Amino acid sequence: MKILFDCRYVRFPRHDGISRFSAGLVTALAKIHPVTMIISDERQLAMLPDIPWVKTTSATGVTEPWVSRSLNQYEPDVVYTVMQTMGPFGRKFKLVSTVHDLIYYTNRTPPRNQPLPVRILWRLYHLSWAPQRALLKRADAHVAVSETTKKLMVDNHLTPHPISVVYNATETHLETERAAPVGLELVYMGSFMPYKNVEVLARGLHELPGYRLHLVSKADDKDRARLEQLAPAGSLVFHGGASDEEYLAILATAVALVTGSRNEGFGLPVIEAMAVGTPVVASDIPVFREIGGDAVVLFDENSPSAFAAAVKTLEEPATWRRASDRSREVARTFRWDESARRLLAFLRTVVTP
């Protein structure tokens, strides 16, 4: 079975979520089956494993609807793409696409870093399920990154094709007991989009005297000013986009990673924290119950007081230790080698039903 793996969403010099998913999964898949990467910029190779690759046009270019024609020359049995936007027209191979989340059907504010025309089209696209259904119909099968996302796809009749769950994962797993927290530090990793609901964390700090919340991702001036108005003076620490090494160092001494998100397709920071023994305090939404299980301390995302109360449950050293150890146990199930095995088995059923 000849597999082409679409790596054109890999970012450089630093991964975002989709980019990290691409690199982690293709690296693990290449260890168990021959695979050829599809790139659109040779600088992406610095973020990817040293395996065969081919180059084609950008995934966001105007020629994307016809990109399959350029891939036919490599005679793949199946092309796996980490998004659902690969153009299917003229293809002579099986196509498997990925749905990470369906957030923007209920939270329609588009990413702020996109140009105005893209944001307008983004809003129009998410006004109805019809464009998504039409897009997914063009592939042969789909991957969802969680059972939560798969259920939404089924409930909304987005595709008649098979759907398999291939979980996101993390490379870093602490095999020994994590040291107890130093100080009263909390960590938030993620964007500052409205659905991320970082405001509930900022407000909750009024009931957590002495705690500091480290915001690891880069925040613009407006986000920073808004959050500083909501939180107690001096309780927010903005890191402006920490490196992976800095992020792990902050996690290694924190009481917990915290998130008040109203909607997620997976929630990779939750697993990243749990994998190194850092407990998680998270909003009580389906996907966090799915991936975190009984290791995560859940709270009502509409209540700053509920957030503060959830954090306080970890102040007892024995309780924190149990949460830390249980977090590592649960996180062990989210490994790239297991995700790669799932993907390979699914691709085989698509190629040879």
Protein backbone atom coordinates (compact mmCIF):
# COMPACT_ATOMS: atom_id res chain seq x y z
CA MET A 1 0.00 0.00 0.00
CA LYS A 2 1.56 3.30 -1.12
CA ILE A 3 0.69 6.17 1.24
CA LEU A 4 1.13 9.87 0.61
CA PHE A 5 0.81 11.96 3.79
CA ASP A 6 -0.15 15.63 3.40
CA CYS A 7 2.31 17.70 5.46
CA ARG A 8 1.59 21.04 3.79
CA TYR A 9 0.08 22.46 6.99
CA VAL A 10 3.38 22.14 8.85
CA ARG A 11 4.49 25.56 10.09
CA PHE A 12 8.05 26.76 10.55
CA PRO A 13 10.02 27.63 12.56
CA ARG A 14 7.49 26.67 15.26
CA HIS A 15 4.59 24.22 15.23
CA ASP A 16 0.98 25.16 15.84
CA GLY A 17 -1.60 22.49 16.73
CA ILE A 18 -2.27 21.13 13.21
CA SER A 19 1.43 21.29 12.40
CA ARG A 20 2.37 19.33 15.51
CA PHE A 21 -0.31 16.73 14.72
CA SER A 22 1.12 16.34 11.20
CA ALA A 23 4.72 15.94 12.33
CA GLY A 24 3.98 13.64 15.25
CA LEU A 25 1.73 11.33 13.29
CA VAL A 26 3.83 11.07 10.11
CA THR A 27 6.97 10.39 12.18
CA ALA A 28 5.30 7.50 14.00
CA LEU A 29 3.62 6.16 10.86
CA ALA A 30 6.95 6.05 8.98
CA LYS A 31 8.33 3.72 11.66
CA ILE A 32 5.75 1.03 10.86
CA HIS A 33 5.03 1.51 7.14
CA PRO A 34 6.68 3.25 4.16
CA VAL A 35 5.22 6.71 3.68
CA THR A 36 5.95 9.69 1.43
CA MET A 37 5.30 13.22 2.67
CA ILE A 38 3.67 15.95 0.60
CA ILE A 39 5.14 19.40 1.25
CA SER A 40 4.69 22.80 -0.35
CA ASP A 41 7.82 24.54 0.99
CA GLU A 42 11.20 22.87 1.56
CA ARG A 43 11.60 24.79 4.82
CA GLN A 44 8.93 22.47 6.22
CA LEU A 45 11.44 19.62 6.07
CA ALA A 46 13.28 21.02 9.10
CA MET A 47 10.15 20.23 11.16
CA LEU A 48 9.64 16.73 9.72
CA PRO A 49 11.32 13.30 9.76
CA ASP A 50 14.01 12.36 7.23
CA ILE A 51 11.83 10.27 4.91
CA PRO A 52 10.84 10.52 1.21
CA TRP A 53 8.87 13.58 0.12
CA VAL A 54 7.30 15.23 -2.91
CA LYS A 55 6.50 18.87 -3.46
CA THR A 56 3.31 20.43 -4.76
CA THR A 57 1.34 23.66 -4.39
CA SER A 58 0.30 25.34 -1.13
CA ALA A 59 -2.78 23.98 0.62
CA THR A 60 -4.15 27.52 0.81
CA GLY A 61 -3.50 28.43 -2.83
CA VAL A 62 -6.09 29.02 -5.53
CA THR A 63 -5.10 25.76 -7.27
CA GLU A 64 -6.02 23.59 -4.29
CA PRO A 65 -9.28 22.25 -5.81
CA TRP A 66 -7.18 20.53 -8.52
CA VAL A 67 -4.13 19.49 -6.49
CA SER A 68 -5.06 15.79 -6.76
CA ARG A 69 -4.15 15.86 -10.46
CA SER A 70 -0.55 16.73 -9.56
CA LEU A 71 -0.43 13.84 -7.08
CA ASN A 72 -1.66 11.19 -9.52
CA GLN A 73 1.84 10.98 -11.05
CA TYR A 74 3.13 9.37 -7.85
CA GLU A 75 0.54 6.58 -8.13
CA PRO A 76 -0.48 6.45 -4.47
CA ASP A 77 -3.05 3.95 -3.25
CA VAL A 78 -4.24 6.45 -0.66
CA VAL A 79 -3.56 10.06 0.28
CA TYR A 80 -4.09 11.06 3.91
CA THR A 81 -4.57 14.76 4.59
CA VAL A 82 -4.59 16.33 8.05
CA MET A 83 -7.36 18.72 7.02
CA GLN A 84 -10.50 18.37 4.89
CA THR A 85 -9.70 20.91 2.19
CA MET A 86 -7.61 18.90 -0.32
CA GLY A 87 -9.14 19.26 -3.76
CA PRO A 88 -10.47 15.90 -4.99
CA PHE A 89 -11.03 16.70 -8.67
CA GLY A 90 -9.30 14.33 -11.08
CA ARG A 91 -7.84 12.06 -8.41
CA LYS A 92 -7.04 8.40 -9.09
CA PHE A 93 -6.47 7.35 -5.49
CA LYS A 94 -8.38 6.94 -2.24
CA LEU A 95 -8.61 10.11 -0.14
CA VAL A 96 -8.90 10.22 3.66
CA SER A 97 -9.40 13.62 5.28
CA THR A 98 -9.32 14.81 8.90
CA VAL A 99 -11.80 16.80 10.98
CA HIS A 100 -10.20 18.27 14.10
CA ASP A 101 -13.16 20.18 15.41
CA LEU A 102 -16.44 21.85 14.51
CA ILE A 103 -15.96 24.79 16.84
CA TYR A 104 -16.85 27.57 14.44
CA TYR A 105 -20.43 26.43 13.89
CA THR A 106 -21.27 27.55 17.42
CA ASN A 107 -18.44 30.08 17.88
CA ARG A 108 -18.39 31.93 14.58
CA THR A 109 -15.73 34.53 15.26
CA PRO A 110 -12.94 33.62 12.79
CA PRO A 111 -9.23 33.66 13.72
CA ARG A 112 -8.13 37.26 14.01
CA ASN A 113 -4.85 36.73 12.17
CA GLN A 114 -6.62 36.00 8.89
CA PRO A 115 -7.14 38.70 6.20
CA LEU A 116 -10.56 40.36 6.07
CA PRO A 117 -11.73 38.50 2.91
CA VAL A 118 -10.83 35.16 4.52
CA ARG A 119 -12.70 36.10 7.72
CA ILE A 120 -15.79 37.02 5.71
CA LEU A 121 -15.71 33.74 3.80
CA TRP A 122 -15.06 31.92 7.10
CA ARG A 123 -18.27 33.31 8.59
CA LEU A 124 -20.29 32.53 5.49
CA TYR A 125 -18.95 28.97 5.34
CA HIS A 126 -20.03 28.28 8.93
CA LEU A 127 -23.56 29.65 8.60
CA SER A 128 -24.75 26.23 7.37
CA TRP A 129 -23.60 22.61 7.49
CA ALA A 130 -24.11 22.34 3.72
CA PRO A 131 -20.59 23.43 2.62
CA GLN A 132 -19.00 21.03 5.10
CA ARG A 133 -21.19 18.15 3.92
CA ALA A 134 -20.29 18.88 0.29
CA LEU A 135 -16.59 18.99 1.11
CA LEU A 136 -16.55 15.77 3.13
CA LYS A 137 -18.58 13.94 0.51
CA ARG A 138 -15.64 14.29 -1.91
CA ALA A 139 -13.35 12.06 0.20
CA ASP A 140 -13.61 8.29 0.73
CA ALA A 141 -13.28 8.27 4.52
CA HIS A 142 -12.47 10.53 7.44
CA VAL A 143 -10.44 10.71 10.62
CA ALA A 144 -11.72 12.53 13.71
CA VAL A 145 -9.33 13.37 16.54
CA SER A 146 -11.81 12.50 19.30
CA GLU A 147 -15.00 10.58 19.88
CA THR A 148 -16.58 13.94 20.70
CA THR A 149 -15.85 15.26 17.19
CA LYS A 150 -16.94 12.00 15.59
CA LYS A 151 -20.27 12.16 17.45
CA LEU A 152 -20.86 15.70 16.19
CA MET A 153 -20.14 14.56 12.64
CA VAL A 154 -22.62 11.69 12.96
CA ASP A 155 -25.30 13.71 14.78
CA ASN A 156 -25.21 16.39 12.09
CA HIS A 157 -25.11 13.89 9.19
CA LEU A 158 -21.92 15.41 7.78
CA THR A 159 -20.80 12.37 5.80
CA PRO A 160 -21.98 8.97 4.59
CA HIS A 161 -18.40 7.69 4.68
CA PRO A 162 -16.57 5.74 7.42
CA ILE A 163 -15.08 7.71 10.32
CA SER A 164 -12.22 6.50 12.51
CA VAL A 165 -10.89 8.19 15.65
CA VAL A 166 -7.15 8.81 15.63
CA TYR A 167 -6.23 10.68 18.79
CA ASN A 168 -3.86 13.58 19.05
CA ALA A 169 -0.85 12.79 21.22
CA THR A 170 2.36 14.07 22.74
CA GLU A 171 6.00 12.97 22.52
CA THR A 172 6.87 13.93 26.11
CA HIS A 173 5.89 11.45 28.83
CA LEU A 174 7.35 11.65 32.33
CA GLU A 175 8.02 8.11 33.50
CA THR A 176 8.86 9.03 37.09
CA GLU A 177 6.95 10.88 39.80
CA ARG A 178 6.74 14.64 39.20
CA ALA A 179 8.11 16.94 41.89
CA ALA A 180 5.56 18.79 44.02
CA PRO A 181 4.70 22.31 42.84
CA VAL A 182 6.85 25.26 43.78
CA GLY A 183 4.71 28.25 44.72
CA LEU A 184 1.19 28.90 43.48
CA GLU A 185 1.69 28.96 39.72
CA LEU A 186 -1.02 28.12 37.15
CA VAL A 187 -0.50 27.71 33.40
CA TYR A 188 -2.70 28.49 30.40
CA MET A 189 -1.69 27.37 26.90
CA GLY A 190 -3.88 28.36 23.98
CA SER A 191 -5.22 31.23 21.96
CA PHE A 192 -7.30 34.15 23.22
CA MET A 193 -10.26 33.59 20.91
CA PRO A 194 -13.67 34.26 22.55
CA TYR A 195 -14.57 30.57 22.82
CA LYS A 196 -11.37 29.93 24.80
CA ASN A 197 -13.03 31.85 27.65
CA VAL A 198 -9.76 32.95 29.27
CA GLU A 199 -11.78 35.65 31.01
CA VAL A 200 -13.24 33.17 33.51
CA LEU A 201 -9.71 32.31 34.62
CA ALA A 202 -8.74 35.97 35.03
CA ARG A 203 -11.86 36.73 37.08
CA GLY A 204 -11.41 33.63 39.21
CA LEU A 205 -7.99 34.80 40.37
CA HIS A 206 -9.74 37.28 42.69
CA GLU A 207 -10.67 34.25 44.81
CA LEU A 208 -7.18 32.74 44.58
CA PRO A 209 -4.92 35.16 46.49
CA GLY A 210 -1.23 34.49 45.94
CA TYR A 211 -1.74 32.55 42.71
CA ARG A 212 -0.24 33.66 39.40
CA LEU A 213 -1.51 32.62 35.97
CA HIS A 214 1.16 32.15 33.30
CA LEU A 215 -0.22 32.81 29.81
CA VAL A 216 2.25 31.00 27.58
CA SER A 217 0.91 31.86 24.11
CA LYS A 218 1.45 35.20 22.45
CA ALA A 219 -1.25 37.74 23.29
CA ASP A 220 -1.80 40.97 21.41
CA ASP A 221 -2.07 44.30 23.21
CA LYS A 222 -5.89 44.28 23.24
CA ASP A 223 -6.10 40.80 24.76
CA ARG A 224 -3.50 41.67 27.35
CA ALA A 225 -5.21 44.91 28.38
CA ARG A 226 -8.62 43.23 28.60
CA LEU A 227 -7.40 40.40 30.79
CA GLU A 228 -5.34 42.66 33.04
CA GLN A 229 -8.48 44.69 33.75
CA LEU A 230 -10.31 41.53 34.85
CA ALA A 231 -7.61 39.98 37.06
CA PRO A 232 -5.98 41.18 40.30
CA ALA A 233 -2.93 43.38 39.76
CA GLY A 234 0.24 41.35 39.26
CA SER A 235 -1.55 38.00 38.98
CA LEU A 236 -1.00 37.52 35.22
CA VAL A 237 2.37 36.65 33.68
CA PHE A 238 2.49 37.03 29.88
CA HIS A 239 5.24 35.00 28.21
CA GLY A 240 4.63 36.28 24.68
CA GLY A 241 4.92 32.90 22.99
CA ALA A 242 7.22 30.61 24.98
CA SER A 243 9.35 27.95 23.28
CA ASP A 244 8.55 24.27 23.84
CA GLU A 245 11.39 24.07 26.33
CA GLU A 246 10.16 27.11 28.27
CA TYR A 247 6.61 25.76 28.26
CA LEU A 248 7.70 22.42 29.72
CA ALA A 249 9.78 24.18 32.35
CA ILE A 250 6.78 26.22 33.47
CA LEU A 251 4.59 23.10 33.57
CA ALA A 252 7.19 21.27 35.64
CA THR A 253 6.72 23.56 38.65
CA ALA A 254 3.04 24.54 38.31
CA VAL A 255 0.14 23.50 40.50
CA ALA A 256 -2.00 22.90 37.42
CA LEU A 257 -2.69 23.67 33.80
CA VAL A 258 -6.03 25.48 33.55
CA THR A 259 -8.53 26.04 30.75
CA GLY A 260 -12.05 27.41 30.66
CA SER A 261 -12.68 26.66 26.98
CA ARG A 262 -16.30 26.36 25.87
CA ASN A 263 -15.53 24.08 22.93
CA GLU A 264 -12.63 21.93 21.73
CA GLY A 265 -12.05 19.19 19.21
CA PHE A 266 -9.39 17.61 21.39
CA GLY A 267 -7.47 19.92 23.73
CA LEU A 268 -3.81 19.02 23.29
CA PRO A 269 -2.49 21.16 26.19
CA VAL A 270 -4.53 18.98 28.56
CA ILE A 271 -2.63 15.86 27.47
CA GLU A 272 0.71 17.68 27.35
CA ALA A 273 0.30 18.72 30.98
CA MET A 274 -0.96 15.35 32.18
CA ALA A 275 1.91 13.55 30.42
CA VAL A 276 4.44 15.36 32.63
CA GLY A 277 2.41 14.87 35.80
CA THR A 278 0.85 18.32 36.01
CA PRO A 279 -2.82 18.13 37.06
CA VAL A 280 -5.45 19.83 34.93
CA VAL A 281 -8.35 22.05 35.97
CA ALA A 282 -10.71 22.30 33.00
CA SER A 283 -14.18 23.35 31.95
CA ASP A 284 -16.78 20.61 32.15
CA ILE A 285 -17.26 19.96 28.43
CA PRO A 286 -17.58 16.59 26.66
CA VAL A 287 -14.11 16.38 25.13
CA PHE A 288 -12.32 17.07 28.42
CA ARG A 289 -14.38 14.36 30.08
CA GLU A 290 -13.40 12.06 27.20
CA ILE A 291 -9.65 12.62 27.15
CA GLY A 292 -9.06 13.50 30.80
CA GLY A 293 -11.36 11.03 32.49
CA ASP A 294 -11.18 11.05 36.27
CA ALA A 295 -7.75 12.70 36.25
CA VAL A 296 -9.12 16.16 35.42
CA VAL A 297 -10.75 18.51 37.93
CA LEU A 298 -13.80 19.90 36.11
CA PHE A 299 -15.71 23.13 36.71
CA ASP A 300 -18.62 25.12 35.29
CA GLU A 301 -17.02 27.33 32.62
CA ASN A 302 -19.52 30.13 33.36
CA SER A 303 -18.42 30.53 36.98
CA PRO A 304 -15.16 32.17 38.13
CA SER A 305 -15.97 30.95 41.65
CA ALA A 306 -16.28 27.37 40.42
CA PHE A 307 -12.91 27.70 38.73
CA ALA A 308 -11.32 29.00 41.94
CA ALA A 309 -12.90 26.23 44.00
CA ALA A 310 -11.60 23.60 41.57
CA VAL A 311 -8.04 24.94 41.89
CA LYS A 312 -8.30 24.93 45.68
CA THR A 313 -9.06 21.19 45.70
CA LEU A 314 -5.41 20.67 44.70
CA GLU A 315 -3.98 22.62 47.65
CA GLU A 316 -3.84 19.53 49.87
CA PRO A 317 -0.49 17.84 49.05
CA ALA A 318 -1.90 14.30 49.09
CA THR A 319 -4.73 15.31 46.74
CA TRP A 320 -2.29 17.01 44.37
CA ARG A 321 -0.04 13.92 44.38
CA ARG A 322 -2.93 11.60 43.51
CA ALA A 323 -4.02 13.92 40.69
CA SER A 324 -0.47 14.10 39.35
CA ASP A 325 0.05 10.34 39.35
CA ARG A 326 -3.37 9.67 37.82
CA SER A 327 -2.69 12.28 35.13
CA ARG A 328 0.43 10.43 34.00
CA GLU A 329 -1.50 7.14 33.90
CA VAL A 330 -4.25 8.54 31.69
CA ALA A 331 -1.83 10.41 29.41
CA ARG A 332 0.06 7.20 28.60
CA THR A 333 -2.83 6.16 26.35
CA PHE A 334 -2.16 9.16 24.07
CA ARG A 335 1.02 8.21 22.22
CA TRP A 336 1.91 8.80 18.60
CA ASP A 337 2.80 5.15 17.99
CA GLU A 338 -0.71 4.08 19.00
CA SER A 339 -2.28 6.82 16.86
CA ALA A 340 -0.14 5.71 13.90
CA ARG A 341 -1.26 2.09 14.34
CA ARG A 342 -4.88 3.20 14.33
CA LEU A 343 -4.39 5.30 11.22
CA LEU A 344 -2.57 2.54 9.32
CA ALA A 345 -5.26 -0.02 10.12
CA PHE A 346 -7.95 2.41 8.92
CA LEU A 347 -6.12 3.27 5.70
CA ARG A 348 -5.88 -0.43 4.89
CA THR A 349 -9.64 -0.85 5.23
CA VAL A 350 -10.16 2.13 2.89
CA VAL A 351 -7.83 0.79 0.23
CA THR A 352 -9.05 -2.81 0.53
CA PRO A 353 -12.60 -2.74 1.95
